Each structure stands twice: as C-alpha cells, then as structure tokens.
Amino acid sequence: MNSLFVVFTHLLCFITECFAIWYDVTYIKVGHAKPTFGGRLKYLTFWCMCIQAAYFGLCVLVDLTGTPRSPNNREKRTFLQKSRDFFHATIAFPIGAFVVTMFWCIYAIDRELVYPKILDDIIPAWLNHIMHTTVLPFLLIEKHNVLHHYPSRWRGISMSFAFATLYLVWILFIAYYANIWVYPLLAVLNMGQMVVFFIFSFIVVSVFYLAGETLSKMLWAPHLAAKEK
C-alpha cells in the first residue's frame, strides 16, 4: 500500500513542475525583440520540465489506483506501473540528470554560453532552480521511495538515445531553417568541436542511464533479498 509520504512527494513534485511551466509560459517573456522560431520548445530545459510534470503526474495516477509502490515481481506489475518504470528509467531520470549536470557545469565555466546574465532580470532565481536544480533531488527522492524495474539495458539505452537524437535533429533543423543556435555555446564551436560535443552528450546520457539503473539496484537489493527469504 502506498504510504502518505510517497503520495505527498509525488503530488508535490507534480504541482511544482506544473506551476513552474504555467509561470514560465504566462509571465516570462525572454524575447525582448521578436519571438524566435520554436519558442520555448527550442530548449531542452522546457522539454525536461514537461517530462518531469508528465512523469510525476503518472506517479500520482499510479498512487490513485491503489497499486503497490514496490511490486517485487516485475511480471505482476500493472500497465501503469510498467509505463512509470520505463518512463523513469529511459527518459525522466537520464534526461533530468543530464540537464542539471550539463547546465551547471557549463554555467561554472562560462555562464554566457548557457544562461546569459541578462536572464537574471527576466527569470526569477526560484524558477531557474526548479528548471535546473530541483529536478535531480526530486528524482533521487523518487529512487528512494519507489522500486523501478528497468528494461533490458539495450532496450533502455536505445530509448534514451532515441530521445536524445530527436532533440538533436530538432535543434539542427532550427539552426538550418531559422539560422539560429538554440544555445550560445553551439555558436562558438566549429564543426569538429560540435561533433565531439554531441558525441560526449550522448555518452553522458548513457552514463546517467547506467547510474540510475545501478542506484535502483543498490537501494532496493536489500528489500528484494529480504522478500525472497
């Protein structure tokens, strides 16, 4: 049976992400000039917020159905539980961790390459942290609260790569069609550097997929071992 704490954290994360999306769409006007092609959908950060909102919304739905939060037998999971686990393993966790880590690493090197100082006067600090910081703590709390059964490694990483490829094709299309680079970092890289950066990004996504899988096993191995006795 779902504990009140698990239900509360799912609901809190869902409401937080939904509120951040609503506030961003309603009040944040970054385009001091004309709106650019793609709008907010250019940015992986916005995709990530929508992903996290969808994921935690799915978690709330699972909670409301009254299904167990940690079914030991992966074959006995409901369709909603299977969808939650697959979504978490392949998209929500690796992409969320990627966004947080890459943003703050690049920010530490040169913030103008990813989040120009002018945005401080447009985007409130609390919203920036919901976009780029709290994502990872929310996901780590979720790891602790819920047992996620991972798919086969090949299937899981392939799905993560498919998502990353979709976004890569999208920003390359924007660059070709609208002649703009989504992130200032891409504008300062030559072709060779850009290829290396994209390959590195795919490697980082795969590393976070494996890290998520390993963390789930570490956190839940004692629980599963105890149930088998």
C-alpha atoms as a PDB file:
ATOM      1  CA  MET A   1       0.000   0.000   0.000  1.00  0.00           C
ATOM      2  CA  ASN A   2       1.217   3.489  -0.817  1.00  0.00           C
ATOM      3  CA  SER A   3       2.483   5.495   2.130  1.00  0.00           C
ATOM      4  CA  LEU A   4       1.276   9.022   2.623  1.00  0.00           C
ATOM      5  CA  PHE A   5       4.847  10.281   2.260  1.00  0.00           C
ATOM      6  CA  VAL A   6       5.220   8.736  -1.204  1.00  0.00           C
ATOM      7  CA  VAL A   7       1.875  10.125  -2.343  1.00  0.00           C
ATOM      8  CA  PHE A   8       2.744  13.531  -0.895  1.00  0.00           C
ATOM      9  CA  THR A   9       6.139  13.711  -2.659  1.00  0.00           C
ATOM     10  CA  HIS A  10       4.611  12.678  -5.985  1.00  0.00           C
ATOM     11  CA  LEU A  11       1.905  15.302  -5.645  1.00  0.00           C
ATOM     12  CA  LEU A  12       4.387  17.969  -4.520  1.00  0.00           C
ATOM     13  CA  CYS A  13       6.736  17.294  -7.447  1.00  0.00           C
ATOM     14  CA  PHE A  14       3.841  17.241  -9.922  1.00  0.00           C
ATOM     15  CA  ILE A  15       2.380  20.532  -8.659  1.00  0.00           C
ATOM     16  CA  THR A  16       5.834  22.172  -8.543  1.00  0.00           C
ATOM     17  CA  GLU A  17       6.623  21.274 -12.152  1.00  0.00           C
ATOM     18  CA  CYS A  18       3.153  22.263 -13.394  1.00  0.00           C
ATOM     19  CA  PHE A  19       3.318  25.590 -11.578  1.00  0.00           C
ATOM     20  CA  ALA A  20       6.786  26.298 -12.999  1.00  0.00           C
ATOM     21  CA  ILE A  21       5.570  25.557 -16.547  1.00  0.00           C
ATOM     22  CA  TRP A  22       2.491  27.732 -16.064  1.00  0.00           C
ATOM     23  CA  TYR A  23       4.510  30.617 -14.625  1.00  0.00           C
ATOM     24  CA  ASP A  24       7.121  30.360 -17.367  1.00  0.00           C
ATOM     25  CA  VAL A  25       4.559  30.357 -20.165  1.00  0.00           C
ATOM     26  CA  THR A  26       2.424  33.073 -18.590  1.00  0.00           C
ATOM     27  CA  TYR A  27       4.922  35.568 -17.229  1.00  0.00           C
ATOM     28  CA  ILE A  28       8.393  35.010 -18.681  1.00  0.00           C
ATOM     29  CA  LYS A  29       8.956  36.985 -21.843  1.00  0.00           C
ATOM     30  CA  VAL A  30      12.543  36.354 -22.903  1.00  0.00           C
ATOM     31  CA  GLY A  31      12.121  37.740 -26.389  1.00  0.00           C
ATOM     32  CA  HIS A  32      12.885  41.406 -25.948  1.00  0.00           C
ATOM     33  CA  ALA A  33      12.978  41.502 -29.732  1.00  0.00           C
ATOM     34  CA  LYS A  34      10.725  39.226 -31.797  1.00  0.00           C
ATOM     35  CA  PRO A  35       9.760  35.736 -30.705  1.00  0.00           C
ATOM     36  CA  THR A  36      12.121  33.292 -32.373  1.00  0.00           C
ATOM     37  CA  PHE A  37      11.274  30.109 -34.234  1.00  0.00           C
ATOM     38  CA  GLY A  38      10.292  27.245 -31.953  1.00  0.00           C
ATOM     39  CA  GLY A  39       9.569  29.412 -28.920  1.00  0.00           C
ATOM     40  CA  ARG A  40      10.140  27.614 -25.628  1.00  0.00           C
ATOM     41  CA  LEU A  41      10.151  24.273 -27.400  1.00  0.00           C
ATOM     42  CA  LYS A  42      13.674  25.081 -28.593  1.00  0.00           C
ATOM     43  CA  TYR A  43      15.051  24.476 -25.130  1.00  0.00           C
ATOM     44  CA  LEU A  44      15.809  21.100 -23.575  1.00  0.00           C
ATOM     45  CA  THR A  45      15.101  22.690 -20.192  1.00  0.00           C
ATOM     46  CA  PHE A  46      11.461  23.237 -21.165  1.00  0.00           C
ATOM     47  CA  TRP A  47      11.229  19.722 -22.562  1.00  0.00           C
ATOM     48  CA  CYS A  48      12.649  18.480 -19.262  1.00  0.00           C
ATOM     49  CA  MET A  49      10.078  20.364 -17.192  1.00  0.00           C
ATOM     50  CA  CYS A  50       7.274  18.869 -19.292  1.00  0.00           C
ATOM     51  CA  ILE A  51       8.828  15.409 -18.955  1.00  0.00           C
ATOM     52  CA  GLN A  52       9.062  15.705 -15.164  1.00  0.00           C
ATOM     53  CA  ALA A  53       5.496  17.007 -14.919  1.00  0.00           C
ATOM     54  CA  ALA A  54       4.250  14.111 -17.075  1.00  0.00           C
ATOM     55  CA  TYR A  55       6.264  11.579 -15.091  1.00  0.00           C
ATOM     56  CA  PHE A  56       5.107  12.708 -11.651  1.00  0.00           C
ATOM     57  CA  GLY A  57       1.577  13.036 -12.986  1.00  0.00           C
ATOM     58  CA  LEU A  58       1.808   9.379 -13.984  1.00  0.00           C
ATOM     59  CA  CYS A  59       3.108   8.561 -10.493  1.00  0.00           C
ATOM     60  CA  VAL A  60       0.092  10.281  -8.940  1.00  0.00           C
ATOM     61  CA  LEU A  61      -2.167   8.275 -11.237  1.00  0.00           C
ATOM     62  CA  VAL A  62      -0.482   5.047 -10.121  1.00  0.00           C
ATOM     63  CA  ASP A  63      -0.930   6.130  -6.490  1.00  0.00           C
ATOM     64  CA  LEU A  64      -4.618   6.870  -7.033  1.00  0.00           C
ATOM     65  CA  THR A  65      -5.243   3.408  -8.476  1.00  0.00           C
ATOM     66  CA  GLY A  66      -4.049   1.947  -5.178  1.00  0.00           C
ATOM     67  CA  THR A  67      -1.410  -0.295  -6.742  1.00  0.00           C
ATOM     68  CA  PRO A  68       1.630  -1.262  -4.617  1.00  0.00           C
ATOM     69  CA  ARG A  69       4.544   1.136  -4.808  1.00  0.00           C
ATOM     70  CA  SER A  70       7.159  -1.619  -4.921  1.00  0.00           C
ATOM     71  CA  PRO A  71       5.890  -4.837  -6.553  1.00  0.00           C
ATOM     72  CA  ASN A  72       8.647  -7.409  -6.185  1.00  0.00           C
ATOM     73  CA  ASN A  73       7.602  -9.456  -9.196  1.00  0.00           C
ATOM     74  CA  ARG A  74       8.129  -7.414 -12.357  1.00  0.00           C
ATOM     75  CA  GLU A  75       5.677  -9.624 -14.239  1.00  0.00           C
ATOM     76  CA  LYS A  76       2.848  -8.769 -11.842  1.00  0.00           C
ATOM     77  CA  ARG A  77       3.080  -5.034 -12.436  1.00  0.00           C
ATOM     78  CA  THR A  78       0.079  -3.252 -13.893  1.00  0.00           C
ATOM     79  CA  PHE A  79       0.275  -1.434 -17.216  1.00  0.00           C
ATOM     80  CA  LEU A  80       0.559   1.888 -15.368  1.00  0.00           C
ATOM     81  CA  GLN A  81       3.420   0.589 -13.236  1.00  0.00           C
ATOM     82  CA  LYS A  82       5.259  -0.746 -16.287  1.00  0.00           C
ATOM     83  CA  SER A  83       4.774   2.614 -18.044  1.00  0.00           C
ATOM     84  CA  ARG A  84       6.012   4.506 -14.968  1.00  0.00           C
ATOM     85  CA  ASP A  85       9.105   2.324 -14.625  1.00  0.00           C
ATOM     86  CA  PHE A  86      10.008   2.515 -18.322  1.00  0.00           C
ATOM     87  CA  PHE A  87       9.456   6.281 -18.452  1.00  0.00           C
ATOM     88  CA  HIS A  88      11.563   6.806 -15.341  1.00  0.00           C
ATOM     89  CA  ALA A  89      14.409   4.551 -16.478  1.00  0.00           C
ATOM     90  CA  THR A  90      14.755   5.745 -20.070  1.00  0.00           C
ATOM     91  CA  ILE A  91      13.657   9.389 -20.119  1.00  0.00           C
ATOM     92  CA  ALA A  92      12.855  11.057 -16.802  1.00  0.00           C
ATOM     93  CA  PHE A  93      15.991  10.123 -14.877  1.00  0.00           C
ATOM     94  CA  PRO A  94      18.772  10.220 -17.532  1.00  0.00           C
ATOM     95  CA  ILE A  95      17.476  13.349 -19.260  1.00  0.00           C
ATOM     96  CA  GLY A  96      16.722  15.111 -15.963  1.00  0.00           C
ATOM     97  CA  ALA A  97      20.183  14.323 -14.592  1.00  0.00           C
ATOM     98  CA  PHE A  98      21.751  15.383 -17.908  1.00  0.00           C
ATOM     99  CA  VAL A  99      20.006  18.765 -17.895  1.00  0.00           C
ATOM    100  CA  VAL A 100      21.019  19.565 -14.310  1.00  0.00           C
ATOM    101  CA  THR A 101      24.627  18.419 -14.667  1.00  0.00           C
ATOM    102  CA  MET A 102      25.370  19.936 -18.069  1.00  0.00           C
ATOM    103  CA  PHE A 103      23.710  23.232 -17.190  1.00  0.00           C
ATOM    104  CA  TRP A 104      25.678  23.807 -14.006  1.00  0.00           C
ATOM    105  CA  CYS A 105      28.970  22.541 -15.435  1.00  0.00           C
ATOM    106  CA  ILE A 106      28.772  24.905 -18.401  1.00  0.00           C
ATOM    107  CA  TYR A 107      27.474  27.674 -16.129  1.00  0.00           C
ATOM    108  CA  ALA A 108      30.534  27.263 -13.903  1.00  0.00           C
ATOM    109  CA  ILE A 109      32.865  27.563 -16.907  1.00  0.00           C
ATOM    110  CA  ASP A 110      31.137  30.484 -18.629  1.00  0.00           C
ATOM    111  CA  ARG A 111      27.523  31.242 -17.853  1.00  0.00           C
ATOM    112  CA  GLU A 112      27.164  33.333 -21.022  1.00  0.00           C
ATOM    113  CA  LEU A 113      27.383  30.103 -23.030  1.00  0.00           C
ATOM    114  CA  VAL A 114      24.219  28.674 -21.493  1.00  0.00           C
ATOM    115  CA  TYR A 115      22.419  31.238 -19.304  1.00  0.00           C
ATOM    116  CA  PRO A 116      23.439  34.840 -20.078  1.00  0.00           C
ATOM    117  CA  LYS A 117      23.457  37.263 -17.147  1.00  0.00           C
ATOM    118  CA  ILE A 118      20.680  39.290 -18.761  1.00  0.00           C
ATOM    119  CA  LEU A 119      18.290  36.444 -17.908  1.00  0.00           C
ATOM    120  CA  ASP A 120      18.728  37.192 -14.185  1.00  0.00           C
ATOM    121  CA  ASP A 121      16.471  40.223 -14.681  1.00  0.00           C
ATOM    122  CA  ILE A 122      13.861  38.171 -16.546  1.00  0.00           C
ATOM    123  CA  ILE A 123      13.719  34.746 -14.876  1.00  0.00           C
ATOM    124  CA  PRO A 124      13.323  34.627 -11.062  1.00  0.00           C
ATOM    125  CA  ALA A 125      16.018  32.673  -9.237  1.00  0.00           C
ATOM    126  CA  TRP A 126      13.447  30.242  -7.806  1.00  0.00           C
ATOM    127  CA  LEU A 127      12.220  29.385 -11.312  1.00  0.00           C
ATOM    128  CA  ASN A 128      15.762  28.893 -12.558  1.00  0.00           C
ATOM    129  CA  HIS A 129      16.351  26.407  -9.738  1.00  0.00           C
ATOM    130  CA  ILE A 130      13.151  24.488 -10.487  1.00  0.00           C
ATOM    131  CA  MET A 131      14.314  24.307 -14.106  1.00  0.00           C
ATOM    132  CA  HIS A 132      17.928  23.384 -13.446  1.00  0.00           C
ATOM    133  CA  THR A 133      18.417  22.227  -9.856  1.00  0.00           C
ATOM    134  CA  THR A 134      15.488  20.606  -8.052  1.00  0.00           C
ATOM    135  CA  VAL A 135      14.948  18.147 -10.910  1.00  0.00           C
ATOM    136  CA  LEU A 136      17.745  15.899  -9.649  1.00  0.00           C
ATOM    137  CA  PRO A 137      16.827  15.896  -5.928  1.00  0.00           C
ATOM    138  CA  PHE A 138      13.223  15.093  -6.875  1.00  0.00           C
ATOM    139  CA  LEU A 139      14.411  12.139  -8.973  1.00  0.00           C
ATOM    140  CA  LEU A 140      16.739  10.878  -6.250  1.00  0.00           C
ATOM    141  CA  ILE A 141      13.923  11.000  -3.698  1.00  0.00           C
ATOM    142  CA  GLU A 142      11.828   9.040  -6.188  1.00  0.00           C
ATOM    143  CA  LYS A 143      14.588   6.436  -6.449  1.00  0.00           C
ATOM    144  CA  HIS A 144      14.472   6.016  -2.688  1.00  0.00           C
ATOM    145  CA  ASN A 145      10.688   5.878  -2.465  1.00  0.00           C
ATOM    146  CA  VAL A 146       9.791   3.577  -5.359  1.00  0.00           C
ATOM    147  CA  LEU A 147      11.251   0.398  -6.812  1.00  0.00           C
ATOM    148  CA  HIS A 148      11.624   0.790 -10.581  1.00  0.00           C
ATOM    149  CA  HIS A 149      12.100  -2.335 -12.655  1.00  0.00           C
ATOM    150  CA  TYR A 150      14.448  -1.491 -15.512  1.00  0.00           C
ATOM    151  CA  PRO A 151      14.061  -2.853 -19.057  1.00  0.00           C
ATOM    152  CA  SER A 152      16.899  -4.693 -20.772  1.00  0.00           C
ATOM    153  CA  ARG A 153      19.941  -2.461 -20.975  1.00  0.00           C
ATOM    154  CA  TRP A 154      19.927  -2.461 -24.780  1.00  0.00           C
ATOM    155  CA  ARG A 155      16.257  -1.501 -24.945  1.00  0.00           C
ATOM    156  CA  GLY A 156      16.595   1.137 -22.242  1.00  0.00           C
ATOM    157  CA  ILE A 157      19.668   2.907 -23.598  1.00  0.00           C
ATOM    158  CA  SER A 158      18.239   2.713 -27.135  1.00  0.00           C
ATOM    159  CA  MET A 159      15.157   4.607 -25.943  1.00  0.00           C
ATOM    160  CA  SER A 160      17.306   7.228 -24.197  1.00  0.00           C
ATOM    161  CA  PHE A 161      19.370   7.638 -27.374  1.00  0.00           C
ATOM    162  CA  ALA A 162      16.207   7.876 -29.483  1.00  0.00           C
ATOM    163  CA  PHE A 163      15.007  10.782 -27.350  1.00  0.00           C
ATOM    164  CA  ALA A 164      18.426  12.477 -27.484  1.00  0.00           C
ATOM    165  CA  THR A 165      18.527  12.017 -31.254  1.00  0.00           C
ATOM    166  CA  LEU A 166      15.059  13.530 -31.612  1.00  0.00           C
ATOM    167  CA  TYR A 167      16.151  16.651 -29.744  1.00  0.00           C
ATOM    168  CA  LEU A 168      19.432  16.851 -31.687  1.00  0.00           C
ATOM    169  CA  VAL A 169      17.596  16.683 -35.020  1.00  0.00           C
ATOM    170  CA  TRP A 170      15.206  19.368 -33.737  1.00  0.00           C
ATOM    171  CA  ILE A 171      17.906  21.901 -32.824  1.00  0.00           C
ATOM    172  CA  LEU A 172      19.824  21.208 -36.055  1.00  0.00           C
ATOM    173  CA  PHE A 173      16.628  21.819 -38.000  1.00  0.00           C
ATOM    174  CA  ILE A 174      16.148  25.115 -36.134  1.00  0.00           C
ATOM    175  CA  ALA A 175      19.722  26.099 -36.972  1.00  0.00           C
ATOM    176  CA  TYR A 176      19.140  25.292 -40.650  1.00  0.00           C
ATOM    177  CA  TYR A 177      15.628  26.709 -41.005  1.00  0.00           C
ATOM    178  CA  ALA A 178      15.814  29.783 -38.756  1.00  0.00           C
ATOM    179  CA  ASN A 179      19.601  30.339 -38.798  1.00  0.00           C
ATOM    180  CA  ILE A 180      19.822  30.450 -35.010  1.00  0.00           C
ATOM    181  CA  TRP A 181      21.617  28.280 -32.494  1.00  0.00           C
ATOM    182  CA  VAL A 182      19.459  27.396 -29.506  1.00  0.00           C
ATOM    183  CA  TYR A 183      22.374  27.783 -27.086  1.00  0.00           C
ATOM    184  CA  PRO A 184      25.199  30.357 -27.295  1.00  0.00           C
ATOM    185  CA  LEU A 185      27.690  27.517 -26.710  1.00  0.00           C
ATOM    186  CA  LEU A 186      26.886  25.973 -30.092  1.00  0.00           C
ATOM    187  CA  ALA A 187      27.517  29.272 -31.865  1.00  0.00           C
ATOM    188  CA  VAL A 188      31.170  29.358 -30.743  1.00  0.00           C
ATOM    189  CA  LEU A 189      32.009  25.758 -31.695  1.00  0.00           C
ATOM    190  CA  ASN A 190      33.356  24.793 -35.104  1.00  0.00           C
ATOM    191  CA  MET A 191      32.029  21.718 -36.882  1.00  0.00           C
ATOM    192  CA  GLY A 192      34.581  19.305 -35.399  1.00  0.00           C
ATOM    193  CA  GLN A 193      34.091  20.626 -31.873  1.00  0.00           C
ATOM    194  CA  MET A 194      30.334  20.399 -32.279  1.00  0.00           C
ATOM    195  CA  VAL A 195      30.520  16.739 -33.337  1.00  0.00           C
ATOM    196  CA  VAL A 196      32.698  15.968 -30.308  1.00  0.00           C
ATOM    197  CA  PHE A 197      30.286  17.838 -28.030  1.00  0.00           C
ATOM    198  CA  PHE A 198      27.281  15.921 -29.346  1.00  0.00           C
ATOM    199  CA  ILE A 199      29.055  12.564 -29.021  1.00  0.00           C
ATOM    200  CA  PHE A 200      30.098  13.488 -25.490  1.00  0.00           C
ATOM    201  CA  SER A 201      26.488  14.416 -24.680  1.00  0.00           C
ATOM    202  CA  PHE A 202      25.257  11.006 -25.833  1.00  0.00           C
ATOM    203  CA  ILE A 203      27.904   9.337 -23.675  1.00  0.00           C
ATOM    204  CA  VAL A 204      26.790  11.380 -20.665  1.00  0.00           C
ATOM    205  CA  VAL A 205      23.161  10.346 -21.244  1.00  0.00           C
ATOM    206  CA  SER A 206      24.193   6.675 -21.328  1.00  0.00           C
ATOM    207  CA  VAL A 207      26.268   7.138 -18.163  1.00  0.00           C
ATOM    208  CA  PHE A 208      23.256   8.594 -16.355  1.00  0.00           C
ATOM    209  CA  TYR A 209      21.094   5.728 -17.586  1.00  0.00           C
ATOM    210  CA  LEU A 210      23.562   3.227 -16.124  1.00  0.00           C
ATOM    211  CA  ALA A 211      23.901   5.297 -12.942  1.00  0.00           C
ATOM    212  CA  GLY A 212      20.136   5.263 -12.491  1.00  0.00           C
ATOM    213  CA  GLU A 213      19.971   1.515 -13.013  1.00  0.00           C
ATOM    214  CA  THR A 214      22.824   0.903 -10.568  1.00  0.00           C
ATOM    215  CA  LEU A 215      21.356   3.223  -7.945  1.00  0.00           C
ATOM    216  CA  SER A 216      17.990   1.459  -8.083  1.00  0.00           C
ATOM    217  CA  LYS A 217      19.672  -1.907  -7.580  1.00  0.00           C
ATOM    218  CA  MET A 218      21.742  -0.606  -4.662  1.00  0.00           C
ATOM    219  CA  LEU A 219      18.770   0.971  -2.910  1.00  0.00           C
ATOM    220  CA  TRP A 220      16.344  -1.907  -3.378  1.00  0.00           C
ATOM    221  CA  ALA A 221      18.591  -5.010  -3.341  1.00  0.00           C
ATOM    222  CA  PRO A 222      18.257  -5.462   0.480  1.00  0.00           C
ATOM    223  CA  HIS A 223      14.468  -5.135   0.219  1.00  0.00           C
ATOM    224  CA  LEU A 224      14.209  -7.700  -2.573  1.00  0.00           C
ATOM    225  CA  ALA A 225      16.609 -10.079  -0.820  1.00  0.00           C
ATOM    226  CA  ALA A 226      14.545  -9.880   2.387  1.00  0.00           C
ATOM    227  CA  LYS A 227      11.332 -10.628   0.486  1.00  0.00           C
ATOM    228  CA  GLU A 228      12.874 -13.719  -1.084  1.00  0.00           C
ATOM    229  CA  LYS A 229      13.723 -15.221   2.320  1.00  0.00           C
END
